[in-house]
C-alpha atoms as a PDB file:
ATOM      1  CA  UNK A   1    -105.516-103.823-158.204  1.00  0.00           C
ATOM      2  CA  UNK A   2    -106.101-103.924-154.455  1.00  0.00           C
ATOM      3  CA  UNK A   3    -103.753-100.982-153.903  1.00  0.00           C
ATOM      4  CA  UNK A   4    -105.653 -98.836-156.428  1.00  0.00           C
ATOM      5  CA  UNK A   5    -108.989 -99.676-154.806  1.00  0.00           C
ATOM      6  CA  UNK A   6    -107.674 -98.885-151.330  1.00  0.00           C
ATOM      7  CA  UNK A   7    -106.192 -95.599-152.553  1.00  0.00           C
ATOM      8  CA  UNK A   8    -109.474 -94.621-154.232  1.00  0.00           C
ATOM      9  CA  UNK A   9    -111.513 -95.407-151.104  1.00  0.00           C
ATOM     10  CA  UNK A  10    -109.084 -93.513-148.871  1.00  0.00           C
ATOM     11  CA  UNK A  11    -109.123 -90.513-151.248  1.00  0.00           C
ATOM     12  CA  UNK A  12    -112.942 -90.547-151.368  1.00  0.00           C
ATOM     13  CA  UNK A  13    -113.291 -90.640-147.585  1.00  0.00           C
ATOM     14  CA  UNK A  14    -110.746 -87.831-147.227  1.00  0.00           C
ATOM     15  CA  UNK A  15    -112.619 -85.661-149.738  1.00  0.00           C
ATOM     16  CA  UNK A  16    -115.935 -86.310-148.026  1.00  0.00           C
ATOM     17  CA  UNK A  17    -114.541 -85.387-144.608  1.00  0.00           C
ATOM     18  CA  UNK A  18    -112.603 -82.325-145.728  1.00  0.00           C
ATOM     19  CA  UNK A  19    -115.030 -80.736-148.163  1.00  0.00           C
ATOM     20  CA  UNK A  20    -118.346 -80.752-146.352  1.00  0.00           C
ATOM     21  CA  UNK A  21    -120.889 -78.001-146.795  1.00  0.00           C
ATOM     22  CA  UNK A  22    -123.139 -76.626-144.102  1.00  0.00           C
ATOM     23  CA  UNK A  23    -126.809 -77.160-144.772  1.00  0.00           C
ATOM     24  CA  UNK A  24    -129.972 -75.952-143.106  1.00  0.00           C
ATOM     25  CA  UNK A  25    -131.776 -79.161-142.280  1.00  0.00           C
ATOM     26  CA  UNK A  26    -134.627 -77.662-140.279  1.00  0.00           C
ATOM     27  CA  UNK A  27    -137.532 -75.481-141.182  1.00  0.00           C
ATOM     28  CA  UNK A  28    -137.244 -71.845-140.176  1.00  0.00           C
ATOM     29  CA  UNK A  29    -139.579 -72.174-137.199  1.00  0.00           C
ATOM     30  CA  UNK A  30    -137.800 -75.234-135.755  1.00  0.00           C
ATOM     31  CA  UNK A  31    -134.419 -73.595-136.250  1.00  0.00           C
ATOM     32  CA  UNK A  32    -135.442 -70.383-134.476  1.00  0.00           C
ATOM     33  CA  UNK A  33    -137.039 -72.256-131.562  1.00  0.00           C
ATOM     34  CA  UNK A  34    -133.969 -74.457-131.124  1.00  0.00           C
ATOM     35  CA  UNK A  35    -131.568 -71.512-131.216  1.00  0.00           C
ATOM     36  CA  UNK A  36    -133.639 -69.423-128.796  1.00  0.00           C
ATOM     37  CA  UNK A  37    -134.060 -72.357-126.445  1.00  0.00           C
ATOM     38  CA  UNK A  38    -130.324 -73.008-126.256  1.00  0.00           C
ATOM     39  CA  UNK A  39    -129.566 -69.306-125.709  1.00  0.00           C
ATOM     40  CA  UNK A  40    -132.087 -69.107-122.870  1.00  0.00           C
ATOM     41  CA  UNK A  41    -130.747 -72.226-121.171  1.00  0.00           C
ATOM     42  CA  UNK A  42    -133.670 -74.450-122.143  1.00  0.00           C
ATOM     43  CA  UNK A  43    -132.684 -78.117-122.092  1.00  0.00           C
ATOM     44  CA  UNK A  44    -135.765 -79.305-124.004  1.00  0.00           C
ATOM     45  CA  UNK A  45    -134.353 -78.096-127.306  1.00  0.00           C
ATOM     46  CA  UNK A  46    -131.156 -80.073-126.679  1.00  0.00           C
ATOM     47  CA  UNK A  47    -133.103 -83.258-127.406  1.00  0.00           C
ATOM     48  CA  UNK A  48    -134.165 -82.007-130.838  1.00  0.00           C
ATOM     49  CA  UNK A  49    -131.082 -83.423-132.551  1.00  0.00           C
ATOM     50  CA  UNK A  50    -131.524 -86.762-130.791  1.00  0.00           C
ATOM     51  CA  UNK A  51    -135.131 -86.913-131.953  1.00  0.00           C
ATOM     52  CA  UNK A  52    -134.159 -86.203-135.553  1.00  0.00           C
ATOM     53  CA  UNK A  53    -131.509 -88.930-135.456  1.00  0.00           C
ATOM     54  CA  UNK A  54    -134.031 -91.340-133.926  1.00  0.00           C
ATOM     55  CA  UNK A  55    -136.521 -90.662-136.725  1.00  0.00           C
ATOM     56  CA  UNK A  56    -133.753 -91.075-139.289  1.00  0.00           C
ATOM     57  CA  UNK A  57    -132.547 -94.424-137.908  1.00  0.00           C
ATOM     58  CA  UNK A  58    -135.921 -96.211-137.666  1.00  0.00           C
ATOM     59  CA  UNK A  59    -136.409 -96.900-141.425  1.00  0.00           C
ATOM     60  CA  UNK A  60    -132.882 -98.282-141.734  1.00  0.00           C
ATOM     61  CA  UNK A  61    -133.336-100.558-138.724  1.00  0.00           C
ATOM     62  CA  UNK A  62    -136.640-101.817-140.128  1.00  0.00           C
ATOM     63  CA  UNK A  63    -135.029-102.529-143.517  1.00  0.00           C
ATOM     64  CA  UNK A  64    -132.226-104.481-141.856  1.00  0.00           C
ATOM     65  CA  UNK A  65    -134.658-106.547-139.770  1.00  0.00           C
ATOM     66  CA  UNK A  66    -136.815-107.353-142.806  1.00  0.00           C
ATOM     67  CA  UNK A  67    -133.697-108.273-144.812  1.00  0.00           C
ATOM     68  CA  UNK A  68    -132.428-110.641-142.120  1.00  0.00           C
ATOM     69  CA  UNK A  69    -135.828-112.309-141.777  1.00  0.00           C
ATOM     70  CA  UNK A  70    -136.134-112.673-145.558  1.00  0.00           C
ATOM     71  CA  UNK A  71    -132.620-114.109-145.812  1.00  0.00           C
ATOM     72  CA  UNK A  72    -133.203-116.654-143.058  1.00  0.00           C
ATOM     73  CA  UNK A  73    -136.563-117.714-144.476  1.00  0.00           C
ATOM     74  CA  UNK A  74    -135.677-118.044-148.159  1.00  0.00           C
ATOM     75  CA  UNK A  75    -132.027-119.044-148.227  1.00  0.00           C
ATOM     76  CA  UNK A  76    -131.179-122.332-149.883  1.00  0.00           C
ATOM     77  CA  UNK A  77    -130.516-125.165-147.527  1.00  0.00           C
ATOM     78  CA  UNK A  78    -128.311-128.168-148.200  1.00  0.00           C
ATOM     79  CA  UNK A  79    -130.808-130.672-149.528  1.00  0.00           C
ATOM     80  CA  UNK A  80    -129.790-134.086-150.782  1.00  0.00           C
ATOM     81  CA  UNK A  81    -131.622-135.210-153.914  1.00  0.00           C
ATOM     82  CA  UNK A  82    -132.079-138.935-154.260  1.00  0.00           C
ATOM     83  CA  UNK A  83    -132.207-139.357-158.010  1.00  0.00           C
ATOM     84  CA  UNK A  84    -131.777-142.591-159.894  1.00  0.00           C
ATOM     85  CA  UNK A  85    -128.543-142.948-161.824  1.00  0.00           C
ATOM     86  CA  UNK A  86    -130.396-144.093-164.941  1.00  0.00           C
ATOM     87  CA  UNK A  87    -130.187-142.033-168.121  1.00  0.00           C
ATOM     88  CA  UNK A  88    -133.389-140.294-169.100  1.00  0.00           C
ATOM     89  CA  UNK A  89    -134.479-138.875-172.431  1.00  0.00           C
ATOM     90  CA  UNK A  90    -136.380-135.653-172.926  1.00  0.00           C
ATOM     91  CA  UNK A  91    -137.862-136.574-176.372  1.00  0.00           C
END
C-alpha cells in the first residue's frame, strides 16, 4: 500500500513539473510596463515579481497564524476528573 501511494505521489509531482503551461498572470498594462522597463535597464520593474509574491504570501501566513492560535487556545488539555466510583442511574 505504501509503495503504491509513494509511486502515485512521485508520478503526480513529475507530471506537474514536466507539463506546465505558460500563463499570462498580469494585466496588459502591467505586462507592457514590466517588459519595457527591463529592456530599458530599469531596476524598478525587477521588484514587480517580488511584490506579487509578497501579496500572495500574506493571506497564507495570516491563515497559519490564526490556525496556530486557535489550536493552542482550544486544544484539549489533560484534565483529571474526580468522579465518585458509585453507580448512578439515569431513570
